[in-house]
Amino acid sequence: MEKEYYVHETSLIGPKAIIGKNTRIWQFCNIMSGVEIGENCNIGQNVFIESGVKIGNRVKIKNNISIYQGVTCEDGVFLGPNCVFTNVINPRSFIEKKDQMKQTYICAGATIGANATIVCGNHIGKFAMIGAGSVITKDIGDYELVLGNPAKRVGYVCKCGEKLTKDEAGFCCESCKKRYQLAEDVMVCEDGIY
């Protein structure tokens, strides 16, 4: 049966990897057995994905990224070039710590900027935006824009990626005109989608 996805001839795909329709996997990738990748994803050059990782639909993984066991990316996530994931807080080469792996969860629509580091055990909220080079050491809420090392919230972003502006009625995106409300430190889009 013909594959419904594209894999460059230089890439390796484990025999039990599940890859969705219309996904493209480019040069020098290693997708291990037990990986699940959804439909319409784009996996850039030199990407390693370890067994047990789950990738949703329409995810873009740019070049030179290793995604280790314990990481889950929901639909529509963007992983910028060279971003880094970990899965053990205090690794040692001479001590086996696989029983100490921590789960990292990237919610739908979130963006991880180039060269950002995601310390394991954290939850990145839907449509959050992590600035390039930032280091994530704690959970990030929905629509939060975070920058720095360690990353701190500097504002909120719209689903379209533009920074939200605060006004007398709440928050607004000047680009697409979507409205948001902040309730108990949680940003919520008024259109009710997601």
C-alpha atoms as a PDB file:
ATOM      1  CA  MET A   1       0.000   0.000   0.000  1.00  0.00           C
ATOM      2  CA  GLU A   2       1.334   3.436  -0.925  1.00  0.00           C
ATOM      3  CA  LYS A   3       2.138   5.845   1.909  1.00  0.00           C
ATOM      4  CA  GLU A   4      -0.145   8.853   2.302  1.00  0.00           C
ATOM      5  CA  TYR A   5       2.701  10.995   3.631  1.00  0.00           C
ATOM      6  CA  TYR A   6       6.114  12.098   2.304  1.00  0.00           C
ATOM      7  CA  VAL A   7       9.463  11.032   3.775  1.00  0.00           C
ATOM      8  CA  HIS A   8      12.773  12.222   2.308  1.00  0.00           C
ATOM      9  CA  GLU A   9      15.063   9.336   1.344  1.00  0.00           C
ATOM     10  CA  THR A  10      17.679  10.332   3.974  1.00  0.00           C
ATOM     11  CA  SER A  11      15.240  10.053   6.907  1.00  0.00           C
ATOM     12  CA  LEU A  12      14.619   7.020   9.116  1.00  0.00           C
ATOM     13  CA  ILE A  13      11.126   6.006  10.239  1.00  0.00           C
ATOM     14  CA  GLY A  14      10.646   3.341  12.926  1.00  0.00           C
ATOM     15  CA  PRO A  15       8.464   0.398  11.885  1.00  0.00           C
ATOM     16  CA  LYS A  16       5.747   1.164  14.455  1.00  0.00           C
ATOM     17  CA  ALA A  17       5.632   4.940  13.996  1.00  0.00           C
ATOM     18  CA  ILE A  18       2.190   6.277  13.081  1.00  0.00           C
ATOM     19  CA  ILE A  19       2.271   9.138  10.575  1.00  0.00           C
ATOM     20  CA  GLY A  20      -0.836  10.955   9.383  1.00  0.00           C
ATOM     21  CA  LYS A  21      -1.969  11.760   5.885  1.00  0.00           C
ATOM     22  CA  ASN A  22      -0.240  14.616   4.005  1.00  0.00           C
ATOM     23  CA  THR A  23       2.535  14.964   6.602  1.00  0.00           C
ATOM     24  CA  ARG A  24       5.967  15.835   5.175  1.00  0.00           C
ATOM     25  CA  ILE A  25       9.232  14.692   6.773  1.00  0.00           C
ATOM     26  CA  TRP A  26      12.331  16.315   5.310  1.00  0.00           C
ATOM     27  CA  GLN A  27      16.072  15.458   5.259  1.00  0.00           C
ATOM     28  CA  PHE A  28      18.045  13.635   7.984  1.00  0.00           C
ATOM     29  CA  CYS A  29      15.170  13.021  10.409  1.00  0.00           C
ATOM     30  CA  ASN A  30      14.898  10.081  12.812  1.00  0.00           C
ATOM     31  CA  ILE A  31      11.345   9.211  13.846  1.00  0.00           C
ATOM     32  CA  MET A  32      11.466   6.272  16.270  1.00  0.00           C
ATOM     33  CA  SER A  33       8.953   3.443  16.668  1.00  0.00           C
ATOM     34  CA  GLY A  34       6.044   4.347  18.904  1.00  0.00           C
ATOM     35  CA  VAL A  35       5.852   7.978  17.770  1.00  0.00           C
ATOM     36  CA  GLU A  36       2.433   9.307  16.746  1.00  0.00           C
ATOM     37  CA  ILE A  37       2.322  12.185  14.248  1.00  0.00           C
ATOM     38  CA  GLY A  38      -0.975  13.611  13.005  1.00  0.00           C
ATOM     39  CA  GLU A  39      -2.094  14.792   9.582  1.00  0.00           C
ATOM     40  CA  ASN A  40      -0.767  17.752   7.578  1.00  0.00           C
ATOM     41  CA  CYS A  41       2.365  18.204   9.708  1.00  0.00           C
ATOM     42  CA  ASN A  42       5.670  19.556   8.433  1.00  0.00           C
ATOM     43  CA  ILE A  43       8.821  18.107  10.018  1.00  0.00           C
ATOM     44  CA  GLY A  44      11.936  20.093   9.071  1.00  0.00           C
ATOM     45  CA  GLN A  45      15.480  18.931   8.463  1.00  0.00           C
ATOM     46  CA  ASN A  46      17.484  17.137  11.192  1.00  0.00           C
ATOM     47  CA  VAL A  47      14.617  16.418  13.614  1.00  0.00           C
ATOM     48  CA  PHE A  48      14.762  13.561  16.140  1.00  0.00           C
ATOM     49  CA  ILE A  49      11.508  12.340  17.723  1.00  0.00           C
ATOM     50  CA  GLU A  50      11.784   9.729  20.481  1.00  0.00           C
ATOM     51  CA  SER A  51       9.401   6.830  21.156  1.00  0.00           C
ATOM     52  CA  GLY A  52       6.266   7.819  23.046  1.00  0.00           C
ATOM     53  CA  VAL A  53       6.032  11.379  21.695  1.00  0.00           C
ATOM     54  CA  LYS A  54       2.614  12.457  20.413  1.00  0.00           C
ATOM     55  CA  ILE A  55       2.246  15.179  17.778  1.00  0.00           C
ATOM     56  CA  GLY A  56      -1.205  16.486  16.755  1.00  0.00           C
ATOM     57  CA  ASN A  57      -2.455  17.657  13.360  1.00  0.00           C
ATOM     58  CA  ARG A  58      -1.081  20.679  11.460  1.00  0.00           C
ATOM     59  CA  VAL A  59       2.040  20.912  13.653  1.00  0.00           C
ATOM     60  CA  LYS A  60       5.144  22.618  12.230  1.00  0.00           C
ATOM     61  CA  ILE A  61       8.472  21.415  13.587  1.00  0.00           C
ATOM     62  CA  LYS A  62      11.329  23.474  12.193  1.00  0.00           C
ATOM     63  CA  ASN A  63      14.961  22.350  11.717  1.00  0.00           C
ATOM     64  CA  ASN A  64      17.338  20.900  14.325  1.00  0.00           C
ATOM     65  CA  ILE A  65      14.928  19.895  17.088  1.00  0.00           C
ATOM     66  CA  SER A  66      15.009  16.823  19.339  1.00  0.00           C
ATOM     67  CA  ILE A  67      11.710  15.922  20.983  1.00  0.00           C
ATOM     68  CA  TYR A  68      12.114  13.427  23.811  1.00  0.00           C
ATOM     69  CA  GLN A  69       9.774  10.938  25.457  1.00  0.00           C
ATOM     70  CA  GLY A  70       7.238  12.718  27.648  1.00  0.00           C
ATOM     71  CA  VAL A  71       6.448  15.564  25.221  1.00  0.00           C
ATOM     72  CA  THR A  72       2.971  15.976  23.724  1.00  0.00           C
ATOM     73  CA  CYS A  73       2.086  18.655  21.159  1.00  0.00           C
ATOM     74  CA  GLU A  74      -1.588  19.283  20.405  1.00  0.00           C
ATOM     75  CA  ASP A  75      -2.969  20.471  17.044  1.00  0.00           C
ATOM     76  CA  GLY A  76      -1.547  23.564  15.390  1.00  0.00           C
ATOM     77  CA  VAL A  77       1.616  23.879  17.516  1.00  0.00           C
ATOM     78  CA  PHE A  78       4.643  25.676  16.005  1.00  0.00           C
ATOM     79  CA  LEU A  79       8.149  24.681  17.178  1.00  0.00           C
ATOM     80  CA  GLY A  80      10.778  27.200  16.042  1.00  0.00           C
ATOM     81  CA  PRO A  81      14.263  26.198  14.850  1.00  0.00           C
ATOM     82  CA  ASN A  82      16.630  24.769  17.468  1.00  0.00           C
ATOM     83  CA  CYS A  83      14.157  24.859  20.348  1.00  0.00           C
ATOM     84  CA  VAL A  84      15.121  22.426  23.111  1.00  0.00           C
ATOM     85  CA  PHE A  85      13.105  19.978  25.230  1.00  0.00           C
ATOM     86  CA  THR A  86      14.226  18.072  28.317  1.00  0.00           C
ATOM     87  CA  ASN A  87      12.556  15.178  30.129  1.00  0.00           C
ATOM     88  CA  VAL A  88      14.482  14.755  33.425  1.00  0.00           C
ATOM     89  CA  ILE A  89      15.145  17.635  35.857  1.00  0.00           C
ATOM     90  CA  ASN A  90      18.541  16.479  37.140  1.00  0.00           C
ATOM     91  CA  PRO A  91      20.071  14.006  34.664  1.00  0.00           C
ATOM     92  CA  ARG A  92      23.329  12.117  35.228  1.00  0.00           C
ATOM     93  CA  SER A  93      24.962   9.945  32.591  1.00  0.00           C
ATOM     94  CA  PHE A  94      25.942   7.328  35.194  1.00  0.00           C
ATOM     95  CA  ILE A  95      22.521   7.088  36.956  1.00  0.00           C
ATOM     96  CA  GLU A  96      19.453   5.680  35.203  1.00  0.00           C
ATOM     97  CA  LYS A  97      16.524   8.081  35.831  1.00  0.00           C
ATOM     98  CA  LYS A  98      13.890   6.968  33.324  1.00  0.00           C
ATOM     99  CA  ASP A  99      11.432   6.580  36.213  1.00  0.00           C
ATOM    100  CA  GLN A 100      11.848  10.324  36.910  1.00  0.00           C
ATOM    101  CA  MET A 101      10.798  11.578  33.462  1.00  0.00           C
ATOM    102  CA  LYS A 102       8.386  14.501  33.613  1.00  0.00           C
ATOM    103  CA  GLN A 103       5.628  15.178  31.093  1.00  0.00           C
ATOM    104  CA  THR A 104       5.634  18.361  29.013  1.00  0.00           C
ATOM    105  CA  TYR A 105       2.383  19.407  27.353  1.00  0.00           C
ATOM    106  CA  ILE A 106       2.124  21.988  24.562  1.00  0.00           C
ATOM    107  CA  CYS A 107      -1.535  22.968  24.018  1.00  0.00           C
ATOM    108  CA  ALA A 108      -3.263  23.727  20.716  1.00  0.00           C
ATOM    109  CA  GLY A 109      -1.993  26.674  18.711  1.00  0.00           C
ATOM    110  CA  ALA A 110       0.994  27.473  20.956  1.00  0.00           C
ATOM    111  CA  THR A 111       4.217  28.840  19.436  1.00  0.00           C
ATOM    112  CA  ILE A 112       7.694  28.070  20.756  1.00  0.00           C
ATOM    113  CA  GLY A 113      10.248  30.563  19.414  1.00  0.00           C
ATOM    114  CA  ALA A 114      13.646  29.713  17.941  1.00  0.00           C
ATOM    115  CA  ASN A 115      16.284  28.578  20.454  1.00  0.00           C
ATOM    116  CA  ALA A 116      13.807  28.505  23.362  1.00  0.00           C
ATOM    117  CA  THR A 117      14.375  25.885  26.074  1.00  0.00           C
ATOM    118  CA  ILE A 118      11.408  24.077  27.611  1.00  0.00           C
ATOM    119  CA  VAL A 119      12.348  22.557  30.975  1.00  0.00           C
ATOM    120  CA  CYS A 120      10.372  19.343  31.469  1.00  0.00           C
ATOM    121  CA  GLY A 121       7.242  19.037  33.573  1.00  0.00           C
ATOM    122  CA  ASN A 122       5.613  22.228  32.341  1.00  0.00           C
ATOM    123  CA  HIS A 123       2.306  22.936  30.625  1.00  0.00           C
ATOM    124  CA  ILE A 124       2.174  25.560  27.880  1.00  0.00           C
ATOM    125  CA  GLY A 125      -1.348  26.904  27.380  1.00  0.00           C
ATOM    126  CA  LYS A 126      -3.296  27.194  24.158  1.00  0.00           C
ATOM    127  CA  PHE A 127      -2.156  29.914  21.765  1.00  0.00           C
ATOM    128  CA  ALA A 128       0.647  30.931  24.153  1.00  0.00           C
ATOM    129  CA  MET A 129       3.712  32.498  22.543  1.00  0.00           C
ATOM    130  CA  ILE A 130       7.213  31.774  23.828  1.00  0.00           C
ATOM    131  CA  GLY A 131       9.757  34.354  22.642  1.00  0.00           C
ATOM    132  CA  ALA A 132      12.964  33.307  20.896  1.00  0.00           C
ATOM    133  CA  GLY A 133      15.700  32.256  23.315  1.00  0.00           C
ATOM    134  CA  SER A 134      13.372  32.121  26.328  1.00  0.00           C
ATOM    135  CA  VAL A 135      13.743  29.490  29.063  1.00  0.00           C
ATOM    136  CA  ILE A 136      10.486  27.996  30.363  1.00  0.00           C
ATOM    137  CA  THR A 137      10.719  26.946  34.022  1.00  0.00           C
ATOM    138  CA  LYS A 138       7.008  27.016  34.976  1.00  0.00           C
ATOM    139  CA  ASP A 139       3.541  26.586  33.451  1.00  0.00           C
ATOM    140  CA  ILE A 140       2.484  29.184  30.869  1.00  0.00           C
ATOM    141  CA  GLY A 141      -1.187  30.177  30.639  1.00  0.00           C
ATOM    142  CA  ASP A 142      -3.452  30.400  27.602  1.00  0.00           C
ATOM    143  CA  TYR A 143      -2.610  33.306  25.247  1.00  0.00           C
ATOM    144  CA  GLU A 144       0.356  34.413  27.409  1.00  0.00           C
ATOM    145  CA  LEU A 145       3.317  36.102  25.735  1.00  0.00           C
ATOM    146  CA  VAL A 146       6.491  35.256  27.667  1.00  0.00           C
ATOM    147  CA  LEU A 147      10.116  36.339  27.206  1.00  0.00           C
ATOM    148  CA  GLY A 148      13.450  35.948  28.949  1.00  0.00           C
ATOM    149  CA  ASN A 149      15.434  33.622  31.193  1.00  0.00           C
ATOM    150  CA  PRO A 150      13.546  32.585  33.173  1.00  0.00           C
ATOM    151  CA  ALA A 151      10.580  33.510  30.982  1.00  0.00           C
ATOM    152  CA  LYS A 152       8.114  36.029  32.393  1.00  0.00           C
ATOM    153  CA  ARG A 153       4.741  37.177  31.094  1.00  0.00           C
ATOM    154  CA  VAL A 154       4.991  40.478  29.229  1.00  0.00           C
ATOM    155  CA  GLY A 155       1.480  40.490  27.777  1.00  0.00           C
ATOM    156  CA  TYR A 156      -1.072  38.412  25.907  1.00  0.00           C
ATOM    157  CA  VAL A 157      -1.460  37.441  22.249  1.00  0.00           C
ATOM    158  CA  CYS A 158      -4.427  36.749  20.008  1.00  0.00           C
ATOM    159  CA  LYS A 159      -5.067  33.487  18.189  1.00  0.00           C
ATOM    160  CA  CYS A 160      -3.700  35.276  15.116  1.00  0.00           C
ATOM    161  CA  GLY A 161      -0.394  35.916  16.945  1.00  0.00           C
ATOM    162  CA  GLU A 162      -0.678  39.683  17.420  1.00  0.00           C
ATOM    163  CA  LYS A 163      -0.255  41.271  20.849  1.00  0.00           C
ATOM    164  CA  LEU A 164      -3.528  42.158  22.608  1.00  0.00           C
ATOM    165  CA  THR A 165      -4.316  45.723  23.649  1.00  0.00           C
ATOM    166  CA  LYS A 166      -6.126  46.460  26.920  1.00  0.00           C
ATOM    167  CA  ASP A 167      -9.125  48.785  26.742  1.00  0.00           C
ATOM    168  CA  GLU A 168     -12.101  49.686  28.977  1.00  0.00           C
ATOM    169  CA  ALA A 169     -14.034  46.548  27.894  1.00  0.00           C
ATOM    170  CA  GLY A 170     -11.193  44.019  28.271  1.00  0.00           C
ATOM    171  CA  PHE A 171      -8.628  43.095  25.629  1.00  0.00           C
ATOM    172  CA  CYS A 172      -8.758  43.448  21.840  1.00  0.00           C
ATOM    173  CA  CYS A 173      -6.677  42.384  18.859  1.00  0.00           C
ATOM    174  CA  GLU A 174      -6.234  45.419  16.626  1.00  0.00           C
ATOM    175  CA  SER A 175      -5.449  43.139  13.674  1.00  0.00           C
ATOM    176  CA  CYS A 176      -8.366  40.665  13.562  1.00  0.00           C
ATOM    177  CA  LYS A 177     -10.697  42.448  16.059  1.00  0.00           C
ATOM    178  CA  LYS A 178     -11.236  39.398  18.300  1.00  0.00           C
ATOM    179  CA  ARG A 179     -12.167  40.283  21.909  1.00  0.00           C
ATOM    180  CA  TYR A 180     -10.806  38.694  25.090  1.00  0.00           C
ATOM    181  CA  GLN A 181     -11.531  38.839  28.812  1.00  0.00           C
ATOM    182  CA  LEU A 182      -9.216  38.138  31.744  1.00  0.00           C
ATOM    183  CA  ALA A 183     -11.020  36.154  34.454  1.00  0.00           C
ATOM    184  CA  GLU A 184      -9.075  35.063  37.552  1.00  0.00           C
ATOM    185  CA  ASP A 185      -5.757  35.453  35.686  1.00  0.00           C
ATOM    186  CA  VAL A 186      -6.987  33.258  32.783  1.00  0.00           C
ATOM    187  CA  MET A 187      -7.397  34.840  29.328  1.00  0.00           C
ATOM    188  CA  VAL A 188     -10.534  33.755  27.466  1.00  0.00           C
ATOM    189  CA  CYS A 189     -11.513  34.506  23.863  1.00  0.00           C
ATOM    190  CA  GLU A 190     -15.090  35.797  23.617  1.00  0.00           C
ATOM    191  CA  ASP A 191     -15.826  33.876  20.395  1.00  0.00           C
ATOM    192  CA  GLY A 192     -15.907  30.632  22.399  1.00  0.00           C
ATOM    193  CA  ILE A 193     -13.760  28.662  19.954  1.00  0.00           C
ATOM    194  CA  TYR A 194     -11.117  26.778  21.950  1.00  0.00           C
END
